[in-house]
Amino acid sequence: MCFSAPVPSRRLVPVYAIALFAASMVSGPMCGAQQLTALRLPDSPGYVGLHGADQQAGPATLSGTVHDVNQGLVPQAKVTLVRNDGRAERVVEPDATGHFSFANLTPGIVKVTVTAPGMETFLSPDVTLVAGQEFQLPEVLLSLAATSSSVQVVVTEEQLATEQVKAQEKQRVLGVFPNFYTSFLWEAAPLRPKQKFSLAIRSRVDPVMFATIAVAAGIEQKTNTFPGYGGGAQGYGKRYGAALADAVSERMIGGAILPSLFHQDPRYFYKGSGTTGSRLRYAISEAFLCRGDNGKQQVNYSYILGDFLTAGLSNAYRADVDRSASLTLSNAFIILAGHVANDVVREFLLKRMTTSIPTYANGKP
């Protein structure tokens, strides 16, 4: 039990102190010493002793949110937490708002990976977690993954020919007169029968063609060509009908029917290269030779036979006084000569006067 010792005089202090020390060595600490030991002083600012550390100990938490770059939700996203100490990974999926969380984490260094189908992968820098910490990862924004793919487009020869014919049907001399049957593309795809008929019909329903025939019929009326048709409006109408029938039959027979039967191309292929003499010979020969659908030069049966068949058909609807075998032959040679003249004009004049020619179409390389 504790008792209070009397206060000694000044002269007895050293002796008293020695006695007190000796007594403590024999009987243990004095009550006053025990009171001092039980007293705890406050810690200095910023210091965490063992008692404070015990209070701070506990698991850490890491959380965050995942969205795309437009702040939308990312379907099938997966968030993986990887520890640098090699412990097992943990994987969670964001909730309906894009939020995710890892709880009960032991202190240490971790990384977070976010993946989703079709999106770029996100990898965080190292995150150091301490005991009891609630770490908020900055918002993760995923962008679309860059894809590398090659697309092989296969165009059939028929499709290519169709596109080339469409381009030809835009060609007009001085922007007015059709120049559909000139191919300025030397290596053009061969035409199918359907395309040959389509091109022939397109050229004969063009409004400019009807106007041209009207002028030609007027000239025949003025010069009294085919007098059996008579004069006046009736005579002009017969001449116009005959000229229209000539144009249609010549184009359909020589430009569609026979080329389909003989597998020949009815177009004129602009050369545009070589000497003037070689180009002139080529242009004249194209009335008698042509390119086959197989790409080889052939006798131009389509034009030659077509001219005679057209002349014979023309003789059938002339007036009785104008019909004759000589008329048929003369018309056939006139038509053939017209092809020769037309090809020469095509080779040397029409390219510079024709609009809508594709820039890559410049004749024979």
Protein backbone atom coordinates (compact mmCIF):
# COMPACT_ATOMS: atom_id res chain seq x y z
CA MET A 1 0.00 0.00 0.00
CA CYS A 2 1.17 3.54 -0.55
CA PHE A 3 2.11 6.03 2.10
CA SER A 4 3.44 9.52 2.15
CA ALA A 5 6.95 9.94 3.44
CA PRO A 6 7.77 13.00 5.53
CA VAL A 7 9.68 15.74 3.77
CA PRO A 8 13.28 15.65 5.05
CA SER A 9 15.35 18.68 5.86
CA ARG A 10 17.79 20.08 3.25
CA ARG A 11 20.75 18.48 5.02
CA LEU A 12 19.15 15.08 4.95
CA VAL A 13 18.24 15.11 1.21
CA PRO A 14 21.28 13.20 -0.07
CA VAL A 15 20.94 10.58 2.58
CA TYR A 16 17.23 10.34 2.08
CA ALA A 17 17.64 9.94 -1.67
CA ILE A 18 20.15 7.17 -1.18
CA ALA A 19 17.83 5.41 1.22
CA LEU A 20 14.92 5.77 -1.09
CA PHE A 21 16.93 4.32 -3.99
CA ALA A 22 18.04 1.40 -1.89
CA ALA A 23 14.51 0.72 -0.76
CA SER A 24 13.30 0.71 -4.34
CA MET A 25 15.93 -1.79 -5.29
CA VAL A 26 14.75 -4.08 -2.55
CA SER A 27 10.98 -3.69 -2.65
CA GLY A 28 10.31 -2.57 -6.29
CA PRO A 29 9.12 0.73 -7.81
CA MET A 30 7.46 3.21 -5.61
CA CYS A 31 3.85 4.17 -6.07
CA GLY A 32 4.84 7.54 -7.51
CA ALA A 33 6.97 5.87 -10.17
CA GLN A 34 4.05 3.66 -11.10
CA GLN A 35 1.89 6.69 -11.56
CA LEU A 36 4.46 8.24 -13.91
CA THR A 37 4.74 5.03 -15.91
CA ALA A 38 0.97 4.84 -16.36
CA LEU A 39 0.84 8.38 -17.72
CA ARG A 40 0.89 8.57 -21.58
CA LEU A 41 1.96 11.84 -23.18
CA PRO A 42 0.32 13.03 -26.42
CA ASP A 43 2.14 12.19 -29.67
CA SER A 44 3.84 14.86 -31.70
CA PRO A 45 2.07 16.06 -34.87
CA GLY A 46 2.45 13.65 -37.90
CA TYR A 47 3.77 10.79 -35.77
CA VAL A 48 1.95 7.47 -35.88
CA GLY A 49 3.10 5.10 -33.24
CA LEU A 50 2.39 1.42 -32.90
CA HIS A 51 -0.94 2.14 -31.31
CA GLY A 52 -1.95 4.41 -34.25
CA ALA A 53 -0.79 1.85 -36.83
CA ASP A 54 -2.90 -0.77 -35.18
CA GLN A 55 -5.90 1.46 -35.55
CA GLN A 56 -5.11 2.14 -39.31
CA ALA A 57 -4.63 -1.51 -40.33
CA GLY A 58 -7.30 -3.00 -42.67
CA PRO A 59 -8.08 -3.97 -46.31
CA ALA A 60 -7.92 -1.47 -49.19
CA THR A 61 -10.52 -0.76 -51.89
CA LEU A 62 -10.05 0.20 -55.55
CA SER A 63 -12.95 1.43 -57.71
CA GLY A 64 -13.66 3.34 -60.92
CA THR A 65 -15.93 3.70 -63.94
CA VAL A 66 -15.71 2.53 -67.58
CA HIS A 67 -17.32 4.28 -70.58
CA ASP A 68 -16.60 4.76 -74.25
CA VAL A 69 -15.23 8.05 -75.57
CA ASN A 70 -18.80 9.29 -76.03
CA GLN A 71 -19.63 8.61 -72.38
CA GLY A 72 -21.72 5.60 -73.34
CA LEU A 73 -21.76 2.21 -71.66
CA VAL A 74 -19.36 -0.45 -72.95
CA PRO A 75 -21.07 -3.85 -73.37
CA GLN A 76 -19.24 -6.97 -72.14
CA ALA A 77 -16.43 -4.96 -70.55
CA LYS A 78 -14.15 -6.84 -68.13
CA VAL A 79 -11.92 -5.20 -65.50
CA THR A 80 -8.92 -7.22 -64.34
CA LEU A 81 -6.78 -6.37 -61.30
CA VAL A 82 -3.25 -7.78 -61.42
CA ARG A 83 -0.86 -7.72 -58.48
CA ASN A 84 2.85 -7.23 -59.00
CA ASP A 85 3.63 -9.81 -56.31
CA GLY A 86 2.25 -12.58 -58.51
CA ARG A 87 -0.91 -13.28 -56.55
CA ALA A 88 -4.04 -14.42 -58.35
CA GLU A 89 -5.83 -11.97 -60.63
CA ARG A 90 -9.32 -10.71 -59.89
CA VAL A 91 -11.89 -9.94 -62.60
CA VAL A 92 -15.12 -7.99 -62.29
CA GLU A 93 -17.67 -6.58 -64.72
CA PRO A 94 -18.94 -2.99 -64.52
CA ASP A 95 -22.54 -2.55 -63.40
CA ALA A 96 -25.35 -0.91 -65.36
CA THR A 97 -23.81 2.52 -64.78
CA GLY A 98 -20.27 1.48 -65.74
CA HIS A 99 -19.03 1.40 -62.13
CA PHE A 100 -16.70 -1.33 -60.84
CA SER A 101 -15.02 -2.01 -57.49
CA PHE A 102 -12.46 -4.33 -55.91
CA ALA A 103 -12.83 -4.75 -52.13
CA ASN A 104 -10.75 -6.44 -49.43
CA LEU A 105 -7.43 -5.77 -51.13
CA THR A 106 -4.21 -6.24 -49.21
CA PRO A 107 -1.68 -3.42 -49.50
CA GLY A 108 0.73 -3.58 -52.41
CA ILE A 109 1.27 -2.56 -56.03
CA VAL A 110 -1.44 -3.40 -58.55
CA LYS A 111 -2.41 -2.67 -62.17
CA VAL A 112 -5.84 -2.53 -63.75
CA THR A 113 -6.66 -3.77 -67.28
CA VAL A 114 -9.98 -3.06 -69.01
CA THR A 115 -11.01 -5.00 -72.12
CA ALA A 116 -14.14 -5.19 -74.27
CA PRO A 117 -14.96 -6.69 -77.69
CA GLY A 118 -14.08 -4.29 -80.49
CA MET A 119 -12.48 -1.75 -78.15
CA GLU A 120 -8.90 -0.76 -77.42
CA THR A 121 -7.42 -2.33 -74.26
CA PHE A 122 -6.76 -0.02 -71.30
CA LEU A 123 -3.79 -0.65 -68.98
CA SER A 124 -3.31 1.55 -65.93
CA PRO A 125 0.07 2.54 -64.48
CA ASP A 126 1.17 0.98 -61.20
CA VAL A 127 -1.13 1.81 -58.28
CA THR A 128 0.29 1.55 -54.76
CA LEU A 129 -2.38 0.62 -52.21
CA VAL A 130 -1.89 1.15 -48.49
CA ALA A 131 -3.86 -0.35 -45.65
CA GLY A 132 -7.37 1.01 -45.30
CA GLN A 133 -7.14 3.14 -48.45
CA GLU A 134 -10.14 3.71 -50.76
CA PHE A 135 -8.48 4.39 -54.12
CA GLN A 136 -10.58 5.94 -56.92
CA LEU A 137 -9.17 5.20 -60.39
CA PRO A 138 -9.65 8.03 -62.94
CA GLU A 139 -12.49 7.40 -65.40
CA VAL A 140 -11.55 4.87 -68.07
CA LEU A 141 -12.63 5.88 -71.61
CA LEU A 142 -12.32 3.16 -74.24
CA SER A 143 -12.02 3.94 -77.95
CA LEU A 144 -12.86 1.67 -80.89
CA ALA A 145 -10.11 -0.74 -81.78
CA ALA A 146 -8.27 0.02 -85.01
CA THR A 147 -9.03 -2.69 -87.55
CA SER A 148 -7.01 -3.65 -90.58
CA SER A 149 -8.88 -5.42 -93.33
CA SER A 150 -8.59 -5.86 -97.05
CA VAL A 151 -11.58 -6.06 -99.35
CA GLN A 152 -11.22 -7.77 -102.67
CA VAL A 153 -13.64 -6.45 -105.24
CA VAL A 154 -14.27 -8.76 -108.16
CA VAL A 155 -15.73 -7.15 -111.29
CA THR A 156 -16.83 -9.40 -114.10
CA GLU A 157 -15.95 -8.63 -117.70
CA GLU A 158 -19.62 -8.02 -118.46
CA GLN A 159 -19.95 -5.52 -115.61
CA LEU A 160 -16.83 -3.73 -116.81
CA ALA A 161 -18.18 -3.55 -120.37
CA THR A 162 -21.48 -2.18 -119.08
CA GLU A 163 -19.76 0.64 -117.24
CA GLN A 164 -17.61 1.45 -120.26
CA VAL A 165 -20.65 1.59 -122.55
CA LYS A 166 -22.38 3.93 -120.10
CA ALA A 167 -19.36 6.22 -120.35
CA GLN A 168 -19.46 6.05 -124.17
CA GLU A 169 -23.12 7.05 -124.20
CA LYS A 170 -22.11 10.41 -122.71
CA GLN A 171 -19.76 11.22 -125.59
CA ARG A 172 -21.07 13.94 -127.90
CA VAL A 173 -19.40 15.92 -130.66
CA LEU A 174 -19.49 19.60 -129.71
CA GLY A 175 -21.58 18.45 -126.78
CA VAL A 176 -24.56 17.78 -129.12
CA PHE A 177 -24.12 15.02 -131.69
CA PRO A 178 -23.84 11.43 -130.41
CA ASN A 179 -20.47 9.72 -130.70
CA PHE A 180 -21.47 6.54 -128.90
CA TYR A 181 -19.74 4.06 -131.22
CA THR A 182 -16.21 5.38 -130.76
CA SER A 183 -14.18 3.72 -128.03
CA PHE A 184 -11.25 5.90 -126.96
CA LEU A 185 -10.24 3.12 -124.59
CA TRP A 186 -8.05 0.78 -126.64
CA GLU A 187 -8.32 -2.21 -124.31
CA ALA A 188 -12.06 -1.97 -123.72
CA ALA A 189 -13.92 -5.05 -122.51
CA PRO A 190 -15.80 -6.96 -125.26
CA LEU A 191 -19.53 -6.45 -125.49
CA ARG A 192 -22.16 -9.09 -124.84
CA PRO A 193 -25.13 -9.35 -127.26
CA LYS A 194 -27.36 -7.59 -124.75
CA GLN A 195 -24.97 -4.64 -124.65
CA LYS A 196 -24.70 -4.51 -128.43
CA PHE A 197 -28.47 -4.26 -128.78
CA SER A 198 -28.70 -1.75 -125.93
CA LEU A 199 -26.09 0.51 -127.55
CA ALA A 200 -27.79 0.28 -130.96
CA ILE A 201 -31.20 1.18 -129.54
CA ARG A 202 -29.76 4.00 -127.44
CA SER A 203 -28.13 5.57 -130.48
CA ARG A 204 -31.34 5.39 -132.52
CA VAL A 205 -33.71 6.87 -129.97
CA ASP A 206 -31.51 9.88 -129.33
CA PRO A 207 -33.45 13.13 -130.03
CA VAL A 208 -30.55 14.53 -132.06
CA MET A 209 -30.86 11.58 -134.46
CA PHE A 210 -34.48 12.45 -135.26
CA ALA A 211 -33.52 16.07 -135.90
CA THR A 212 -30.66 15.00 -138.19
CA ILE A 213 -32.97 12.74 -140.22
CA ALA A 214 -35.46 15.59 -140.52
CA VAL A 215 -32.73 17.76 -142.08
CA ALA A 216 -31.64 14.93 -144.42
CA ALA A 217 -35.23 14.36 -145.58
CA GLY A 218 -35.56 18.07 -146.25
CA ILE A 219 -32.43 18.01 -148.43
CA GLU A 220 -33.82 15.01 -150.35
CA GLN A 221 -37.08 16.89 -150.83
CA LYS A 222 -35.23 19.96 -152.06
CA THR A 223 -33.09 17.97 -154.54
CA ASN A 224 -36.01 15.72 -155.50
CA THR A 225 -34.11 12.59 -154.52
CA PHE A 226 -36.33 9.52 -155.01
CA PRO A 227 -38.88 11.34 -157.17
CA GLY A 228 -41.33 8.49 -156.78
CA TYR A 229 -42.21 9.86 -153.34
CA GLY A 230 -43.61 13.01 -154.94
CA GLY A 231 -43.61 16.49 -153.48
CA GLY A 232 -45.34 18.44 -150.76
CA ALA A 233 -45.86 17.38 -147.17
CA GLN A 234 -46.76 13.85 -148.23
CA GLY A 235 -43.56 13.46 -150.20
CA TYR A 236 -41.54 14.85 -147.30
CA GLY A 237 -43.19 12.47 -144.88
CA LYS A 238 -42.32 9.48 -147.09
CA ARG A 239 -38.72 10.63 -147.40
CA TYR A 240 -38.49 11.15 -143.63
CA GLY A 241 -39.93 7.69 -142.93
CA ALA A 242 -37.60 6.03 -145.44
CA ALA A 243 -34.54 7.82 -144.03
CA LEU A 244 -35.54 6.85 -140.50
CA ALA A 245 -36.02 3.22 -141.56
CA ASP A 246 -32.59 3.27 -143.26
CA ALA A 247 -30.90 4.58 -140.12
CA VAL A 248 -32.61 2.12 -137.78
CA SER A 249 -32.09 -0.94 -140.00
CA GLU A 250 -28.45 -0.06 -140.71
CA ARG A 251 -27.68 0.30 -137.00
CA MET A 252 -29.67 -2.72 -135.80
CA ILE A 253 -28.40 -5.07 -138.53
CA GLY A 254 -24.79 -3.92 -138.72
CA GLY A 255 -24.42 -2.84 -135.09
CA ALA A 256 -26.35 -5.45 -133.12
CA ILE A 257 -27.75 -8.48 -135.00
CA LEU A 258 -24.75 -9.45 -137.14
CA PRO A 259 -22.12 -8.52 -134.52
CA SER A 260 -23.91 -10.82 -132.08
CA LEU A 261 -24.02 -13.65 -134.63
CA PHE A 262 -20.39 -13.22 -135.75
CA HIS A 263 -19.08 -12.33 -132.26
CA GLN A 264 -17.64 -9.05 -133.48
CA ASP A 265 -17.35 -5.64 -131.88
CA PRO A 266 -19.30 -2.94 -133.78
CA ARG A 267 -17.32 -0.04 -132.29
CA TYR A 268 -14.46 1.94 -133.80
CA PHE A 269 -11.39 1.82 -131.57
CA TYR A 270 -9.53 5.10 -131.70
CA LYS A 271 -5.80 4.59 -132.25
CA GLY A 272 -4.39 8.08 -131.78
CA SER A 273 -0.73 7.02 -131.91
CA GLY A 274 1.81 6.37 -134.65
CA THR A 275 2.43 8.26 -137.89
CA THR A 276 -0.31 9.99 -139.83
CA GLY A 277 -0.01 7.39 -142.60
CA SER A 278 -0.35 4.45 -140.22
CA ARG A 279 -3.37 6.01 -138.57
CA LEU A 280 -4.97 6.72 -141.97
CA ARG A 281 -4.45 3.12 -143.12
CA TYR A 282 -5.85 1.86 -139.85
CA ALA A 283 -8.98 4.06 -140.11
CA ILE A 284 -9.73 2.94 -143.70
CA SER A 285 -9.13 -0.72 -142.92
CA GLU A 286 -11.60 -0.64 -140.00
CA ALA A 287 -14.46 -0.54 -142.52
CA PHE A 288 -13.33 -3.96 -143.72
CA LEU A 289 -11.67 -5.35 -140.61
CA CYS A 290 -12.85 -5.30 -137.03
CA ARG A 291 -12.01 -6.57 -133.58
CA GLY A 292 -13.61 -9.87 -132.62
CA ASP A 293 -15.01 -10.52 -129.18
CA ASN A 294 -11.89 -12.64 -128.66
CA GLY A 295 -9.72 -9.55 -129.18
CA LYS A 296 -8.34 -10.63 -132.58
CA GLN A 297 -8.69 -8.82 -135.91
CA GLN A 298 -11.28 -10.32 -138.25
CA VAL A 299 -12.97 -9.56 -141.55
CA ASN A 300 -15.76 -7.13 -140.75
CA TYR A 301 -18.63 -9.30 -141.87
CA SER A 302 -21.00 -7.30 -139.70
CA TYR A 303 -20.45 -4.04 -141.59
CA ILE A 304 -20.01 -5.47 -145.08
CA LEU A 305 -23.01 -7.81 -145.02
CA GLY A 306 -24.97 -5.33 -142.95
CA ASP A 307 -24.54 -2.62 -145.58
CA PHE A 308 -25.88 -4.86 -148.37
CA LEU A 309 -28.76 -6.16 -146.26
CA THR A 310 -29.69 -2.61 -145.28
CA ALA A 311 -29.61 -1.49 -148.94
CA GLY A 312 -31.77 -4.44 -149.98
CA LEU A 313 -34.28 -3.71 -147.25
CA SER A 314 -34.30 -0.05 -148.25
CA ASN A 315 -35.14 -1.01 -151.83
CA ALA A 316 -38.25 -2.78 -150.57
CA TYR A 317 -39.98 0.36 -149.34
CA ARG A 318 -38.97 2.70 -152.15
CA ALA A 319 -41.49 3.81 -154.74
CA ASP A 320 -41.88 1.46 -157.69
CA VAL A 321 -40.12 3.83 -160.07
CA ASP A 322 -37.12 4.06 -157.71
CA ARG A 323 -36.63 0.32 -157.17
CA SER A 324 -33.79 -1.45 -158.97
CA ALA A 325 -30.91 -3.84 -158.33
CA SER A 326 -28.49 -1.09 -159.21
CA LEU A 327 -30.06 1.07 -156.50
CA THR A 328 -29.47 -1.67 -153.97
CA LEU A 329 -25.81 -2.01 -154.95
CA SER A 330 -25.21 1.71 -155.14
CA ASN A 331 -26.80 2.24 -151.72
CA ALA A 332 -24.68 -0.57 -150.27
CA PHE A 333 -21.45 0.97 -151.56
CA ILE A 334 -22.57 4.41 -150.44
CA ILE A 335 -23.14 3.10 -146.92
CA LEU A 336 -19.76 1.32 -146.98
CA ALA A 337 -18.02 4.45 -148.19
CA GLY A 338 -19.76 6.33 -145.45
CA HIS A 339 -18.21 3.96 -142.90
CA VAL A 340 -14.75 4.65 -144.33
CA ALA A 341 -15.21 8.42 -144.23
CA ASN A 342 -16.72 8.25 -140.77
CA ASP A 343 -13.78 6.25 -139.40
CA VAL A 344 -11.24 8.70 -140.85
CA VAL A 345 -13.10 11.61 -139.23
CA ARG A 346 -13.20 9.69 -135.95
CA GLU A 347 -9.47 9.08 -136.02
CA PHE A 348 -8.32 12.61 -136.86
CA LEU A 349 -11.03 15.09 -135.85
CA LEU A 350 -13.63 13.90 -133.38
CA LYS A 351 -11.50 13.33 -130.29
CA ARG A 352 -10.71 16.99 -129.85
CA MET A 353 -14.36 17.85 -130.50
CA THR A 354 -15.97 15.17 -128.31
CA THR A 355 -16.98 15.90 -124.73
CA SER A 356 -17.12 13.57 -121.72
CA ILE A 357 -14.25 11.33 -122.82
CA PRO A 358 -12.72 9.64 -119.75
CA THR A 359 -9.30 11.10 -118.95
CA TYR A 360 -7.71 7.66 -118.99
CA ALA A 361 -9.03 6.88 -122.52
CA ASN A 362 -6.38 7.99 -125.01
CA GLY A 363 -6.32 5.30 -127.66
CA LYS A 364 -3.59 2.76 -128.28
CA PRO A 365 -0.74 2.98 -125.73
